[in-house]
């Protein structure tokens, strides 16, 4: 039988998975996620906080101060272009309301918390960043199997025909400069078509590209990992201490 606190966290888990899954789907298809999703998430999160206040209360209410702190931090990171996109920043702001504290459901999360427990939304964010870092390793394995080993391209992307690159969400990892192929990491959006055209003019049919992977996907994975595993970064740091 779930206690009231665990039941509320189950609701938070289901709401987060549902909204982030749908946002990931639309992000993959159109590279957009509706603002209404984050409004719904924030409203449900606020309702759950009110319910928790009038039922079981908060063991440490001072942790609720992290809600405006996290919202301000994500806004600042977005303005400084240190976070991936507007939808990602809004999702993390909504998560600050939905998961202000580290969730606990029965024997989960599996990893014990550190002496200083971080807010739930920060754990989601840090877990998402760590999972995002596995992408280069996956690309390396993929290119090893294909026999395409050329650094740094093989840890950042894969080879693709110019024709397919025009129809897919990718950035060229190469550019033509002074008649020669040069390394280029994520050109400006408006330069992509121009650079692909330049390759065609030089008779080049295949180039290295990097996928435009929506951060919403690792954010969904990081959210689920927060409920199942806990604070992965803190667990790794404690293992070395």
Protein backbone atom coordinates (compact mmCIF):
# COMPACT_ATOMS: atom_id res chain seq x y z
CA UNK A 1 0.00 0.00 0.00
CA UNK A 2 1.43 3.35 -1.00
CA UNK A 3 1.69 6.13 1.53
CA UNK A 4 0.24 9.53 0.63
CA UNK A 5 3.65 10.99 -0.25
CA UNK A 6 4.53 8.03 -2.47
CA UNK A 7 1.13 8.22 -4.16
CA UNK A 8 1.69 11.87 -5.02
CA UNK A 9 5.10 10.99 -6.45
CA UNK A 10 3.50 8.24 -8.57
CA UNK A 11 1.14 10.87 -10.00
CA UNK A 12 4.13 13.15 -10.65
CA UNK A 13 5.92 10.30 -12.42
CA UNK A 14 2.92 9.48 -14.64
CA UNK A 15 2.28 13.14 -15.48
CA UNK A 16 5.93 13.76 -16.31
CA UNK A 17 6.29 10.65 -18.48
CA UNK A 18 3.06 11.42 -20.38
CA UNK A 19 3.87 15.06 -21.12
CA UNK A 20 7.60 14.58 -21.82
CA UNK A 21 6.88 11.57 -24.07
CA UNK A 22 4.42 13.56 -26.15
CA UNK A 23 6.83 16.53 -26.25
CA UNK A 24 9.63 14.22 -27.40
CA UNK A 25 7.40 12.86 -30.17
CA UNK A 26 6.47 16.31 -31.48
CA UNK A 27 10.06 17.51 -31.08
CA UNK A 28 11.31 14.64 -33.25
CA UNK A 29 8.63 15.20 -35.88
CA UNK A 30 8.54 18.98 -36.07
CA UNK A 31 11.29 20.26 -33.72
CA UNK A 32 8.55 21.98 -31.74
CA UNK A 33 6.77 21.37 -28.44
CA UNK A 34 3.60 23.26 -27.50
CA UNK A 35 3.85 25.78 -24.67
CA UNK A 36 0.52 24.43 -23.40
CA UNK A 37 2.30 21.24 -22.33
CA UNK A 38 4.43 23.16 -19.82
CA UNK A 39 1.44 25.16 -18.60
CA UNK A 40 -0.41 21.89 -17.91
CA UNK A 41 2.63 20.38 -16.19
CA UNK A 42 3.13 23.48 -14.04
CA UNK A 43 -0.56 23.68 -13.06
CA UNK A 44 -0.71 19.98 -12.12
CA UNK A 45 2.54 20.37 -10.19
CA UNK A 46 1.12 23.35 -8.26
CA UNK A 47 -2.09 21.42 -7.46
CA UNK A 48 -0.06 18.48 -6.15
CA UNK A 49 1.97 20.83 -3.96
CA UNK A 50 -1.24 22.27 -2.47
CA UNK A 51 -2.61 18.74 -1.87
CA UNK A 52 0.65 17.72 -0.21
CA UNK A 53 0.62 20.83 2.00
CA UNK A 54 -2.88 20.07 3.34
CA UNK A 55 -2.35 16.31 3.72
CA UNK A 56 1.16 15.26 4.76
CA UNK A 57 2.98 18.59 4.64
CA UNK A 58 6.68 19.03 3.82
CA UNK A 59 9.52 17.62 5.89
CA UNK A 60 11.67 20.58 4.91
CA UNK A 61 9.52 23.40 3.46
CA UNK A 62 12.63 25.51 2.80
CA UNK A 63 13.32 23.29 -0.21
CA UNK A 64 10.33 24.90 -1.91
CA UNK A 65 12.53 27.97 -2.32
CA UNK A 66 14.33 25.98 -5.01
CA UNK A 67 11.27 26.33 -7.24
CA UNK A 68 11.83 30.04 -8.10
CA UNK A 69 15.62 29.50 -7.93
CA UNK A 70 15.47 26.70 -10.53
CA UNK A 71 13.10 28.67 -12.75
CA UNK A 72 15.42 31.70 -12.64
CA UNK A 73 18.48 29.49 -13.27
CA UNK A 74 16.95 27.81 -16.33
CA UNK A 75 15.87 31.17 -17.71
CA UNK A 76 19.40 32.52 -17.23
CA UNK A 77 20.98 29.46 -18.89
CA UNK A 78 18.64 29.86 -21.85
CA UNK A 79 19.43 33.57 -22.20
CA UNK A 80 23.15 32.78 -22.12
CA UNK A 81 22.62 30.06 -24.77
CA UNK A 82 23.99 27.46 -22.34
CA UNK A 83 20.86 25.33 -22.56
CA UNK A 84 19.59 23.60 -25.67
CA UNK A 85 16.40 25.45 -26.61
CA UNK A 86 13.33 27.36 -25.51
CA UNK A 87 11.14 24.26 -25.11
CA UNK A 88 13.83 22.55 -23.03
CA UNK A 89 14.13 25.56 -20.72
CA UNK A 90 10.34 25.79 -20.32
CA UNK A 91 10.15 22.04 -19.62
CA UNK A 92 12.75 22.36 -16.86
CA UNK A 93 10.91 25.37 -15.40
CA UNK A 94 7.69 23.32 -15.28
CA UNK A 95 9.60 20.39 -13.75
CA UNK A 96 10.77 22.72 -10.98
CA UNK A 97 7.10 22.90 -9.93
CA UNK A 98 6.20 19.28 -10.66
CA UNK A 99 9.23 17.73 -8.91
CA UNK A 100 10.53 20.25 -6.36
CA UNK A 101 11.85 17.52 -4.03
CA UNK A 102 13.62 14.24 -4.63
CA UNK A 103 10.85 11.68 -5.30
CA UNK A 104 10.47 8.56 -3.17
CA UNK A 105 8.27 5.60 -4.15
CA UNK A 106 8.56 2.46 -1.99
CA UNK A 107 12.22 1.36 -2.30
CA UNK A 108 12.97 3.81 -5.08
CA UNK A 109 15.19 5.53 -6.00
CA UNK A 110 17.87 2.84 -5.81
CA UNK A 111 20.80 5.19 -5.14
CA UNK A 112 21.03 6.64 -1.68
CA UNK A 113 21.02 10.41 -1.56
CA UNK A 114 24.04 12.50 -0.64
CA UNK A 115 24.32 14.39 2.65
CA UNK A 116 22.99 17.48 0.86
CA UNK A 117 19.86 16.50 -1.05
CA UNK A 118 19.41 18.43 -4.30
CA UNK A 119 15.99 19.55 -5.58
CA UNK A 120 14.24 17.03 -7.80
CA UNK A 121 14.29 19.26 -10.89
CA UNK A 122 18.07 19.72 -10.59
CA UNK A 123 18.52 15.94 -10.37
CA UNK A 124 16.42 15.55 -13.54
CA UNK A 125 18.59 18.16 -15.28
CA UNK A 126 21.93 16.64 -14.22
CA UNK A 127 20.76 13.11 -15.06
CA UNK A 128 19.67 14.31 -18.51
CA UNK A 129 23.07 15.90 -19.18
CA UNK A 130 24.88 12.69 -18.15
CA UNK A 131 22.67 10.55 -20.39
CA UNK A 132 23.16 13.01 -23.25
CA UNK A 133 26.92 12.42 -22.98
CA UNK A 134 26.41 8.76 -23.94
CA UNK A 135 25.50 9.84 -27.47
CA UNK A 136 29.14 10.30 -28.64
CA UNK A 137 29.94 6.78 -27.39
CA UNK A 138 26.96 5.39 -29.29
CA UNK A 139 28.07 7.19 -32.46
CA UNK A 140 31.59 5.80 -32.07
CA UNK A 141 30.27 2.23 -31.81
CA UNK A 142 27.99 2.80 -34.82
CA UNK A 143 30.89 4.11 -36.94
CA UNK A 144 33.18 1.28 -35.80
CA UNK A 145 30.64 -1.22 -37.09
CA UNK A 146 30.42 0.73 -40.36
CA UNK A 147 34.19 0.98 -40.65
CA UNK A 148 34.07 4.78 -40.72
CA UNK A 149 36.77 5.84 -38.29
CA UNK A 150 37.85 9.43 -38.72
CA UNK A 151 38.28 11.66 -35.70
CA UNK A 152 36.61 13.82 -34.50
CA UNK A 153 33.80 13.07 -36.95
CA UNK A 154 33.15 9.51 -35.75
CA UNK A 155 32.21 10.63 -32.20
CA UNK A 156 30.06 13.53 -33.38
CA UNK A 157 28.09 12.09 -36.27
CA UNK A 158 27.99 9.73 -39.24
CA UNK A 159 28.23 9.76 -43.03
CA UNK A 160 25.17 10.63 -45.10
CA UNK A 161 24.40 11.44 -48.72
CA UNK A 162 23.81 15.09 -49.60
CA UNK A 163 20.39 14.19 -50.97
CA UNK A 164 19.28 12.57 -47.70
CA UNK A 165 20.85 15.35 -45.60
CA UNK A 166 18.53 17.85 -47.30
CA UNK A 167 15.51 15.86 -46.13
CA UNK A 168 16.69 15.13 -42.57
CA UNK A 169 17.26 17.09 -39.37
CA UNK A 170 21.07 17.17 -39.42
CA UNK A 171 23.94 19.64 -39.42
CA UNK A 172 26.94 19.20 -41.74
CA UNK A 173 30.15 18.48 -39.87
CA UNK A 174 32.09 19.69 -42.91
CA UNK A 175 32.25 22.82 -45.03
CA UNK A 176 33.98 23.93 -48.18
CA UNK A 177 36.64 26.57 -47.54
CA UNK A 178 39.17 27.68 -50.14
CA UNK A 179 38.11 24.70 -52.26
CA UNK A 180 38.90 22.18 -49.50
CA UNK A 181 36.78 20.18 -47.07
CA UNK A 182 37.15 21.48 -43.51
CA UNK A 183 35.75 20.44 -40.14
CA UNK A 184 32.74 22.48 -39.02
CA UNK A 185 30.77 21.85 -35.82
CA UNK A 186 27.09 22.85 -36.03
CA UNK A 187 26.92 25.77 -38.49
CA UNK A 188 24.27 28.45 -38.16
CA UNK A 189 20.82 27.24 -39.19
CA UNK A 190 20.59 29.54 -42.20
CA UNK A 191 23.97 28.32 -43.54
CA UNK A 192 23.02 24.63 -43.82
CA UNK A 193 21.32 24.69 -47.25
CA UNK A 194 24.06 26.92 -48.63
CA UNK A 195 26.79 24.56 -47.43
CA UNK A 196 25.02 21.47 -48.80
CA UNK A 197 24.74 23.23 -52.16
CA UNK A 198 28.47 23.99 -52.08
CA UNK A 199 29.24 20.27 -51.70
CA UNK A 200 27.05 19.44 -54.70
CA UNK A 201 28.87 22.05 -56.80
CA UNK A 202 32.16 20.31 -55.95
CA UNK A 203 30.73 16.91 -56.93
CA UNK A 204 30.74 15.60 -53.36
CA UNK A 205 27.89 13.16 -52.75
CA UNK A 206 28.50 12.07 -49.14
CA UNK A 207 29.60 14.02 -46.06
CA UNK A 208 29.82 13.73 -42.29
CA UNK A 209 26.75 15.06 -40.47
CA UNK A 210 25.63 15.29 -36.86
CA UNK A 211 22.00 14.61 -35.92
CA UNK A 212 19.85 17.37 -34.44
CA UNK A 213 18.94 15.26 -31.42
CA UNK A 214 16.20 16.97 -29.39
CA UNK A 215 17.29 17.39 -25.76
CA UNK A 216 13.70 16.47 -24.88
CA UNK A 217 14.62 12.79 -25.33
CA UNK A 218 17.46 12.67 -22.75
CA UNK A 219 15.28 14.93 -20.57
CA UNK A 220 12.58 12.24 -20.59
CA UNK A 221 15.20 9.58 -19.82
CA UNK A 222 16.69 11.75 -17.06
CA UNK A 223 13.23 12.24 -15.54
CA UNK A 224 12.57 8.49 -15.41
CA UNK A 225 16.09 7.85 -14.06
CA UNK A 226 15.46 10.34 -11.25
CA UNK A 227 12.55 8.24 -9.95
CA UNK A 228 14.24 4.85 -10.46
CA UNK A 229 17.93 5.53 -9.79
CA UNK A 230 18.06 8.92 -8.07
CA UNK A 231 20.93 11.40 -8.33
CA UNK A 232 23.34 9.61 -10.69
CA UNK A 233 26.03 12.32 -10.53
CA UNK A 234 26.08 12.36 -6.72
CA UNK A 235 26.24 8.55 -6.69
CA UNK A 236 29.23 8.56 -9.05
CA UNK A 237 31.05 11.23 -7.02
CA UNK A 238 30.42 9.39 -3.75
CA UNK A 239 31.75 6.17 -5.29
CA UNK A 240 35.12 7.87 -5.87
CA UNK A 241 35.26 9.47 -2.42
